Amino acid sequence: MDPSAASTTDGGDNPHNGPRFLKYMLAGSVAGMVEHMAMFPVDTLKTRMQMVGASPSCAASPPLPFGRFIASIVRSEGPMGLYRGIGAMGLGAGPAHAVYFSVYELCKQSFGGNGPGHHPLAHAAAGVVATTASDAVLTPMDVVKQRLQLPRSPYGGVRDCAARMFREEGVRAFYASYKTTVVMNAPFTAVHFSTYEAMKKVLGEVSPENASEERVLVHLTAGGAAGALASAVTTPLDVVKTRLQCQGVCGADKFSNGSIHIALRQIVAKEGPQALLQGLKPRVLFHTPAAAICWSTYEAMKNFLHHFQE
């Protein structure tokens, strides 16, 4: 039986009932925190690579291969240099992913995505609604996280960064990249969810007699493929998001407003089109296992809570 079809019937016939909604929120919260905590060092590397050319402190980092880049951070800052800002992600990832998965499940049901056959448009549309809602929760903490990830960051920690941003730049600084984040995550999530559901269906049909035994492997494989494809095609917008969130920090370039067009034009004029692909490798290397971890954790938690409820 298709796991997505199973999820439409557990917890009662009403897809909007309280127990099911809470189950999606709890499973999504755990999945999001596990995903981001496990892959945080790679995310730190991606942030620093995307700031090369914008910040003097990041520009000083040599263009090293992936492994040697991480080793250079450990040598100069210690192992904790890879985890600076993880507290902000811990505070934001849980609530944001709770919103993300619960909204996705409810919208997928409402849009007819749980019926027989493949429904890529329903899955994509549900994903876009879900990411728009979750980004409103995550963006402020993501801004704090990325500012703390920069080398020689001027902030003493999550509380210090948030307080100084509020005092010196106002509430708008926490949402300077929100529009870019939504514009980026809309196609990212559309590709991600439709690829995940399609891969899950194909893999389930390959060996239907072993579906229950192979379910974890199916989620890992489908999630990894979805994460790799979605992250690759949205890297340029992720570069813009990082630049907007870290503008003015450590001497980084500033932008006149949060316009995606202006930011793209300014980056290309100064550094060339290749700057929009900075951090591509670590971004793909982050999202491939991260999506696999997130989906498998989410589905496992959802099944566990379903059996626990029974």
Protein backbone atom coordinates (compact mmCIF):
# COMPACT_ATOMS: atom_id res chain seq x y z
CA MET A 1 0.00 0.00 0.00
CA ASP A 2 1.24 3.48 -0.87
CA PRO A 3 2.38 5.22 2.36
CA SER A 4 0.85 8.49 1.22
CA ALA A 5 -2.47 6.75 0.75
CA ALA A 6 -2.17 5.24 4.21
CA SER A 7 -1.67 8.67 5.69
CA THR A 8 -5.04 9.82 4.40
CA THR A 9 -6.98 7.37 6.51
CA ASP A 10 -5.12 7.18 9.79
CA GLY A 11 -6.62 9.06 12.69
CA GLY A 12 -10.17 9.19 11.33
CA ASP A 13 -12.00 10.16 8.19
CA ASN A 14 -11.75 13.90 8.73
CA PRO A 15 -8.35 15.11 7.47
CA HIS A 16 -8.60 18.23 9.62
CA ASN A 17 -9.26 16.57 12.98
CA GLY A 18 -7.18 17.58 15.99
CA PRO A 19 -5.20 14.35 16.64
CA ARG A 20 -4.04 14.05 13.03
CA PHE A 21 -3.07 17.71 12.84
CA LEU A 22 -1.05 17.43 16.07
CA LYS A 23 0.56 14.24 14.80
CA TYR A 24 1.73 15.95 11.63
CA MET A 25 3.05 18.90 13.64
CA LEU A 26 4.99 16.74 16.10
CA ALA A 27 6.41 14.45 13.41
CA GLY A 28 7.39 17.42 11.27
CA SER A 29 9.00 19.23 14.20
CA VAL A 30 11.20 16.24 15.08
CA ALA A 31 12.09 15.66 11.41
CA GLY A 32 13.10 19.28 10.86
CA MET A 33 15.30 19.45 13.94
CA VAL A 34 17.04 16.14 13.14
CA GLU A 35 17.64 17.25 9.55
CA HIS A 36 19.16 20.63 10.34
CA MET A 37 21.20 19.56 13.35
CA ALA A 38 22.73 16.61 11.50
CA MET A 39 23.73 18.67 8.45
CA PHE A 40 24.60 21.96 10.14
CA PRO A 41 28.39 21.92 9.37
CA VAL A 42 27.62 21.63 5.65
CA ASP A 43 25.17 24.52 5.94
CA THR A 44 27.89 26.63 7.56
CA LEU A 45 30.20 25.91 4.65
CA LYS A 46 27.49 26.81 2.14
CA THR A 47 26.82 30.15 3.84
CA ARG A 48 30.49 31.09 3.85
CA MET A 49 30.99 30.13 0.22
CA GLN A 50 27.97 32.16 -0.83
CA MET A 51 29.37 35.23 0.93
CA VAL A 52 32.72 35.10 -0.91
CA GLY A 53 32.95 38.31 -2.90
CA ALA A 54 30.49 40.13 -0.66
CA SER A 55 32.34 40.14 2.66
CA PRO A 56 36.10 40.77 3.15
CA SER A 57 36.23 38.20 5.96
CA CYS A 58 34.73 35.53 3.73
CA ALA A 59 36.80 36.56 0.73
CA ALA A 60 39.91 35.80 2.75
CA SER A 61 38.93 32.13 2.79
CA PRO A 62 40.83 30.30 0.00
CA PRO A 63 38.80 28.48 -2.65
CA LEU A 64 39.50 25.03 -1.19
CA PRO A 65 37.79 21.72 -1.98
CA PHE A 66 34.89 20.74 0.24
CA GLY A 67 36.80 18.62 2.77
CA ARG A 68 39.78 20.97 3.05
CA PHE A 69 37.47 23.97 3.47
CA ILE A 70 35.89 22.32 6.50
CA ALA A 71 39.33 21.37 7.83
CA SER A 72 40.50 24.99 7.52
CA ILE A 73 37.53 26.17 9.60
CA VAL A 74 38.28 23.56 12.28
CA ARG A 75 41.97 24.55 12.38
CA SER A 76 41.30 28.28 12.69
CA GLU A 77 38.16 28.25 14.87
CA GLY A 78 37.96 24.79 16.41
CA PRO A 79 35.21 22.22 15.83
CA MET A 80 32.58 24.56 17.27
CA GLY A 81 33.23 26.96 14.42
CA LEU A 82 31.15 24.61 12.26
CA TYR A 83 28.24 24.83 14.70
CA ARG A 84 28.10 28.55 15.40
CA GLY A 85 24.46 29.61 15.07
CA ILE A 86 23.02 26.14 15.62
CA GLY A 87 21.01 27.44 18.57
CA ALA A 88 19.06 29.76 16.28
CA MET A 89 18.27 26.90 13.94
CA GLY A 90 17.23 24.75 16.89
CA LEU A 91 14.73 27.42 17.93
CA GLY A 92 13.36 27.92 14.42
CA ALA A 93 13.47 24.51 12.75
CA GLY A 94 11.06 22.72 15.10
CA PRO A 95 8.12 25.15 14.88
CA ALA A 96 8.73 25.89 11.20
CA HIS A 97 8.74 22.24 10.17
CA ALA A 98 5.72 21.55 12.35
CA VAL A 99 3.87 24.14 10.26
CA TYR A 100 5.51 22.90 7.04
CA PHE A 101 4.43 19.26 7.23
CA SER A 102 1.03 19.77 8.82
CA VAL A 103 0.02 22.36 6.21
CA TYR A 104 1.38 20.14 3.43
CA GLU A 105 -0.56 17.08 4.57
CA LEU A 106 -3.80 19.01 4.96
CA CYS A 107 -3.41 20.83 1.63
CA LYS A 108 -2.43 17.63 -0.17
CA GLN A 109 -5.66 16.06 1.07
CA SER A 110 -7.71 19.13 0.17
CA PHE A 111 -6.18 19.39 -3.33
CA GLY A 112 -6.85 15.72 -4.10
CA GLY A 113 -3.23 14.59 -3.90
CA ASN A 114 -4.00 11.42 -1.94
CA GLY A 115 -6.18 9.80 -4.57
CA PRO A 116 -5.13 6.90 -6.78
CA GLY A 117 -2.51 7.69 -9.40
CA HIS A 118 0.09 10.43 -9.48
CA HIS A 119 -0.91 14.06 -8.81
CA PRO A 120 2.20 16.24 -9.26
CA LEU A 121 0.26 19.51 -9.47
CA ALA A 122 -1.59 18.82 -6.22
CA HIS A 123 1.64 17.86 -4.45
CA ALA A 124 3.44 20.91 -5.84
CA ALA A 125 0.63 23.30 -4.90
CA ALA A 126 0.41 21.86 -1.38
CA GLY A 127 4.17 22.25 -1.02
CA VAL A 128 4.08 25.90 -2.10
CA VAL A 129 1.37 26.74 0.45
CA ALA A 130 3.28 24.85 3.14
CA THR A 131 6.60 26.59 2.53
CA THR A 132 5.00 30.05 2.42
CA ALA A 133 3.56 29.44 5.88
CA SER A 134 6.68 27.85 7.38
CA ASP A 135 9.05 30.50 5.98
CA ALA A 136 7.20 33.15 7.97
CA VAL A 137 8.18 31.21 11.11
CA LEU A 138 11.73 30.24 10.14
CA THR A 139 13.08 33.34 8.36
CA PRO A 140 13.90 35.46 11.46
CA MET A 141 15.94 32.64 13.03
CA ASP A 142 17.53 31.81 9.68
CA VAL A 143 18.78 35.40 9.44
CA VAL A 144 20.29 35.17 12.93
CA LYS A 145 21.80 31.76 12.11
CA GLN A 146 23.52 32.94 8.94
CA ARG A 147 24.93 36.05 10.56
CA LEU A 148 26.45 33.91 13.30
CA GLN A 149 27.90 31.51 10.72
CA LEU A 150 30.12 34.17 9.18
CA PRO A 151 33.83 34.10 10.09
CA ARG A 152 34.66 36.69 12.77
CA SER A 153 30.96 37.37 13.29
CA PRO A 154 30.52 40.42 15.54
CA TYR A 155 27.72 38.81 17.54
CA GLY A 156 28.16 37.00 20.85
CA GLY A 157 25.36 34.50 20.29
CA VAL A 158 21.73 34.09 19.34
CA ARG A 159 20.35 36.46 21.97
CA ASP A 160 22.99 39.12 21.32
CA CYS A 161 22.46 38.94 17.55
CA ALA A 162 18.68 39.15 17.78
CA ALA A 163 18.81 42.03 20.29
CA ARG A 164 21.32 44.06 18.29
CA MET A 165 19.47 43.50 15.03
CA PHE A 166 16.21 44.66 16.61
CA ARG A 167 17.88 47.68 18.24
CA GLU A 168 20.02 48.77 15.29
CA GLU A 169 18.00 47.69 12.24
CA GLY A 170 14.45 47.13 13.43
CA VAL A 171 12.00 44.29 12.81
CA ARG A 172 12.34 44.63 9.04
CA ALA A 173 15.87 43.22 9.19
CA PHE A 174 14.50 39.86 10.30
CA TYR A 175 12.31 39.69 7.18
CA ALA A 176 14.56 41.41 4.64
CA SER A 177 14.89 38.13 2.73
CA TYR A 178 11.36 36.78 3.24
CA LYS A 179 10.15 37.64 -0.26
CA THR A 180 13.28 36.10 -1.79
CA THR A 181 12.92 33.05 0.45
CA VAL A 182 9.33 32.47 -0.66
CA VAL A 183 10.20 33.04 -4.33
CA MET A 184 13.06 30.54 -3.95
CA ASN A 185 11.21 27.98 -1.87
CA ALA A 186 8.08 27.98 -4.01
CA PRO A 187 9.83 26.30 -6.99
CA PHE A 188 12.12 24.40 -4.60
CA THR A 189 9.18 22.90 -2.75
CA ALA A 190 7.16 22.31 -5.91
CA VAL A 191 10.04 20.33 -7.42
CA HIS A 192 10.86 18.69 -4.09
CA PHE A 193 7.41 17.41 -3.18
CA SER A 194 6.37 16.36 -6.68
CA THR A 195 9.71 14.54 -7.16
CA TYR A 196 9.42 12.89 -3.75
CA GLU A 197 5.88 11.66 -4.31
CA ALA A 198 6.71 10.48 -7.85
CA MET A 199 9.87 8.65 -6.72
CA LYS A 200 8.03 7.11 -3.77
CA LYS A 201 5.30 5.80 -6.07
CA VAL A 202 7.78 4.41 -8.61
CA LEU A 203 9.92 2.75 -5.95
CA GLY A 204 6.83 1.30 -4.27
CA GLU A 205 5.70 -0.22 -7.58
CA VAL A 206 9.10 -1.78 -8.25
CA SER A 207 8.66 -4.20 -5.35
CA PRO A 208 5.11 -3.92 -3.96
CA GLU A 209 5.35 -7.24 -2.12
CA ASN A 210 8.16 -5.81 0.05
CA ALA A 211 6.67 -2.32 0.48
CA SER A 212 6.46 -2.46 4.26
CA GLU A 213 10.01 -3.79 4.68
CA GLU A 214 11.51 -1.33 2.19
CA ARG A 215 9.53 1.70 3.31
CA VAL A 216 12.46 3.38 5.08
CA LEU A 217 14.72 2.80 2.08
CA VAL A 218 12.02 4.18 -0.21
CA HIS A 219 11.72 7.37 1.85
CA LEU A 220 15.51 7.76 2.01
CA THR A 221 15.94 7.31 -1.74
CA ALA A 222 12.97 9.41 -2.80
CA GLY A 223 13.80 12.16 -0.31
CA GLY A 224 17.45 12.29 -1.37
CA ALA A 225 16.57 12.52 -5.07
CA ALA A 226 14.02 15.25 -4.40
CA GLY A 227 16.45 17.26 -2.28
CA ALA A 228 19.27 17.06 -4.82
CA LEU A 229 17.17 18.20 -7.78
CA ALA A 230 15.31 20.96 -5.96
CA SER A 231 18.43 22.42 -4.34
CA ALA A 232 20.40 22.49 -7.59
CA VAL A 233 17.82 24.44 -9.59
CA THR A 234 17.25 27.08 -6.88
CA THR A 235 20.89 27.85 -5.94
CA PRO A 236 20.98 31.35 -7.53
CA LEU A 237 18.02 32.49 -5.43
CA ASP A 238 19.62 30.97 -2.34
CA VAL A 239 22.72 33.08 -2.98
CA VAL A 240 20.53 36.20 -3.12
CA LYS A 241 18.78 35.16 0.11
CA THR A 242 22.09 34.70 1.92
CA ARG A 243 23.42 38.05 0.71
CA LEU A 244 20.25 39.87 1.82
CA GLN A 245 20.30 38.24 5.25
CA CYS A 246 23.97 39.00 5.89
CA GLN A 247 24.19 42.44 4.28
CA GLY A 248 26.29 44.91 6.24
CA VAL A 249 27.76 42.21 8.53
CA CYS A 250 31.57 41.82 8.50
CA GLY A 251 31.75 44.50 5.80
CA ALA A 252 29.37 42.67 3.46
CA ASP A 253 27.73 44.54 0.58
CA LYS A 254 24.45 46.28 1.29
CA PHE A 255 21.39 46.55 -0.93
CA SER A 256 19.07 49.52 -1.30
CA ASN A 257 16.03 47.32 -0.64
CA GLY A 258 14.92 43.69 -0.62
CA SER A 259 14.30 43.55 -4.38
CA ILE A 260 15.42 40.26 -5.90
CA HIS A 261 16.05 41.94 -9.26
CA ILE A 262 18.28 44.64 -7.76
CA ALA A 263 20.23 42.11 -5.71
CA LEU A 264 20.76 39.83 -8.72
CA ARG A 265 21.88 42.73 -10.90
CA GLN A 266 24.27 44.05 -8.23
CA ILE A 267 25.85 40.64 -7.60
CA VAL A 268 26.31 39.90 -11.31
CA ALA A 269 27.69 43.38 -12.05
CA LYS A 270 30.33 43.07 -9.32
CA GLU A 271 31.26 39.38 -9.46
CA GLY A 272 29.90 37.97 -12.70
CA PRO A 273 27.15 35.38 -13.33
CA GLN A 274 29.23 32.59 -11.77
CA ALA A 275 28.70 34.20 -8.36
CA LEU A 276 25.08 33.00 -8.47
CA LEU A 277 26.29 29.40 -8.34
CA GLN A 278 28.53 29.83 -5.29
CA GLY A 279 27.83 27.15 -2.75
CA LEU A 280 26.15 24.83 -5.29
CA LYS A 281 28.08 21.73 -4.22
CA PRO A 282 27.58 22.11 -0.46
CA ARG A 283 23.94 23.09 -1.04
CA VAL A 284 23.30 19.88 -2.97
CA LEU A 285 25.41 17.91 -0.49
CA PHE A 286 23.30 19.42 2.29
CA HIS A 287 19.86 18.89 0.83
CA THR A 288 20.38 15.38 -0.55
CA PRO A 289 21.04 13.64 2.79
CA ALA A 290 19.03 16.28 4.69
CA ALA A 291 15.89 15.55 2.68
CA ALA A 292 16.48 11.82 3.04
CA ILE A 293 16.89 12.21 6.81
CA CYS A 294 13.93 14.56 7.09
CA TRP A 295 11.46 12.46 5.09
CA SER A 296 12.46 9.14 6.66
CA THR A 297 12.31 10.66 10.16
CA TYR A 298 8.97 12.31 9.42
CA GLU A 299 7.38 9.15 8.04
CA ALA A 300 8.82 7.04 10.88
CA MET A 301 7.54 9.48 13.52
CA LYS A 302 4.14 9.64 11.82
CA ASN A 303 3.85 5.84 11.83
CA PHE A 304 5.06 5.64 15.42
CA LEU A 305 2.52 8.21 16.61
CA HIS A 306 -0.24 6.46 14.66
CA HIS A 307 0.49 3.12 16.34
CA PHE A 308 0.97 4.84 19.70
CA GLN A 309 -2.43 6.50 19.31
CA GLU A 310 -4.02 3.13 18.50
